[in-house]
């Protein structure tokens, strides 16, 4: 897998977030609210800032975007999240 400039760091943060969250989404109220809104209304959310200290990666200030993708009628809807760590300033594209 390529290194930082191509997304390895972002991928690692995303995977850590997914592993950490599991059933703990309620421990980050703004994230829980985001997910509930996107899933219930089917509308996206842009530029939500989340400030949280994670046990493994420490303090992160993240900018999240979310939207619900169309899924076949017999399957669960897909929730697409993008996140950027903005603790040290805006992330590079």
Protein backbone atom coordinates (compact mmCIF):
# COMPACT_ATOMS: atom_id res chain seq x y z
CA UNK A 1 0.00 0.00 0.00
CA UNK A 2 1.38 3.47 -0.87
CA UNK A 3 2.31 5.87 1.92
CA UNK A 4 0.92 9.16 3.32
CA UNK A 5 0.39 11.31 0.22
CA UNK A 6 -1.89 8.70 -1.26
CA UNK A 7 -4.03 8.17 1.81
CA UNK A 8 -2.42 5.54 4.02
CA UNK A 9 -2.61 7.77 7.10
CA UNK A 10 -6.27 8.62 6.42
CA UNK A 11 -7.03 4.94 5.85
CA UNK A 12 -5.36 4.03 9.17
CA UNK A 13 -7.36 6.68 11.01
CA UNK A 14 -10.58 5.53 9.37
CA UNK A 15 -9.95 1.88 10.24
CA UNK A 16 -9.03 2.82 13.82
CA UNK A 17 -12.24 4.85 14.03
CA UNK A 18 -14.31 1.94 12.74
CA UNK A 19 -12.61 -0.54 15.12
CA UNK A 20 -12.94 1.81 18.07
CA UNK A 21 -16.52 2.80 17.48
CA UNK A 22 -18.16 -0.57 17.10
CA UNK A 23 -21.15 -0.17 19.42
CA UNK A 24 -19.73 2.98 21.03
CA UNK A 25 -21.09 5.57 18.59
CA UNK A 26 -23.10 7.03 21.48
CA UNK A 27 -19.88 8.07 23.22
CA UNK A 28 -19.35 10.76 20.56
CA UNK A 29 -22.71 12.57 20.61
CA UNK A 30 -22.07 14.73 17.54
CA UNK A 31 -21.14 11.64 15.50
CA UNK A 32 -24.20 9.75 16.69
CA UNK A 33 -26.38 12.69 15.73
CA UNK A 34 -24.73 12.87 12.30
CA UNK A 35 -25.29 9.19 11.55
CA UNK A 36 -28.89 9.25 12.74
CA UNK A 37 -29.70 12.33 10.66
CA UNK A 38 -28.11 10.99 7.50
CA UNK A 39 -29.76 7.58 7.79
CA UNK A 40 -33.20 8.90 8.78
CA UNK A 41 -33.46 11.71 6.26
CA UNK A 42 -31.31 10.34 3.47
CA UNK A 43 -29.61 13.72 3.18
CA UNK A 44 -25.91 14.36 3.39
CA UNK A 45 -24.08 16.42 5.96
CA UNK A 46 -20.99 18.45 5.14
CA UNK A 47 -18.15 19.86 7.18
CA UNK A 48 -19.19 18.62 10.65
CA UNK A 49 -16.30 19.12 13.06
CA UNK A 50 -15.72 16.45 15.70
CA UNK A 51 -13.19 16.92 18.49
CA UNK A 52 -12.42 13.70 20.36
CA UNK A 53 -9.60 11.88 22.16
CA UNK A 54 -9.21 8.29 20.93
CA UNK A 55 -7.41 5.75 23.13
CA UNK A 56 -5.09 4.53 20.38
CA UNK A 57 -4.43 7.60 18.24
CA UNK A 58 -4.93 10.41 20.75
CA UNK A 59 -6.60 13.75 20.15
CA UNK A 60 -8.13 14.32 16.72
CA UNK A 61 -10.12 17.20 15.38
CA UNK A 62 -11.90 15.79 12.36
CA UNK A 63 -14.00 17.25 9.60
CA UNK A 64 -16.64 14.72 8.54
CA UNK A 65 -18.88 14.54 5.51
CA UNK A 66 -21.56 11.88 5.20
CA UNK A 67 -24.18 10.79 2.72
CA UNK A 68 -26.46 7.83 2.21
CA UNK A 69 -25.93 5.98 -1.08
CA UNK A 70 -28.74 4.30 -2.96
CA UNK A 71 -28.79 0.58 -2.36
CA UNK A 72 -30.82 -2.18 -4.01
CA UNK A 73 -34.31 -2.49 -2.44
CA UNK A 74 -33.49 -5.75 -0.65
CA UNK A 75 -30.31 -4.51 1.06
CA UNK A 76 -29.23 -2.11 3.78
CA UNK A 77 -28.48 1.48 2.76
CA UNK A 78 -24.81 2.37 2.49
CA UNK A 79 -23.47 5.22 4.57
CA UNK A 80 -20.41 6.91 3.07
CA UNK A 81 -18.22 8.88 5.48
CA UNK A 82 -15.18 10.96 4.64
CA UNK A 83 -12.98 12.37 7.33
CA UNK A 84 -9.98 14.64 7.56
CA UNK A 85 -7.82 15.26 10.61
CA UNK A 86 -7.70 19.04 10.93
CA UNK A 87 -6.02 19.25 14.35
CA UNK A 88 -2.88 20.80 12.85
CA UNK A 89 -4.66 22.82 10.16
CA UNK A 90 -6.53 21.82 7.02
CA UNK A 91 -5.58 18.48 5.49
CA UNK A 92 -3.78 18.49 2.17
CA UNK A 93 -5.78 17.14 -0.79
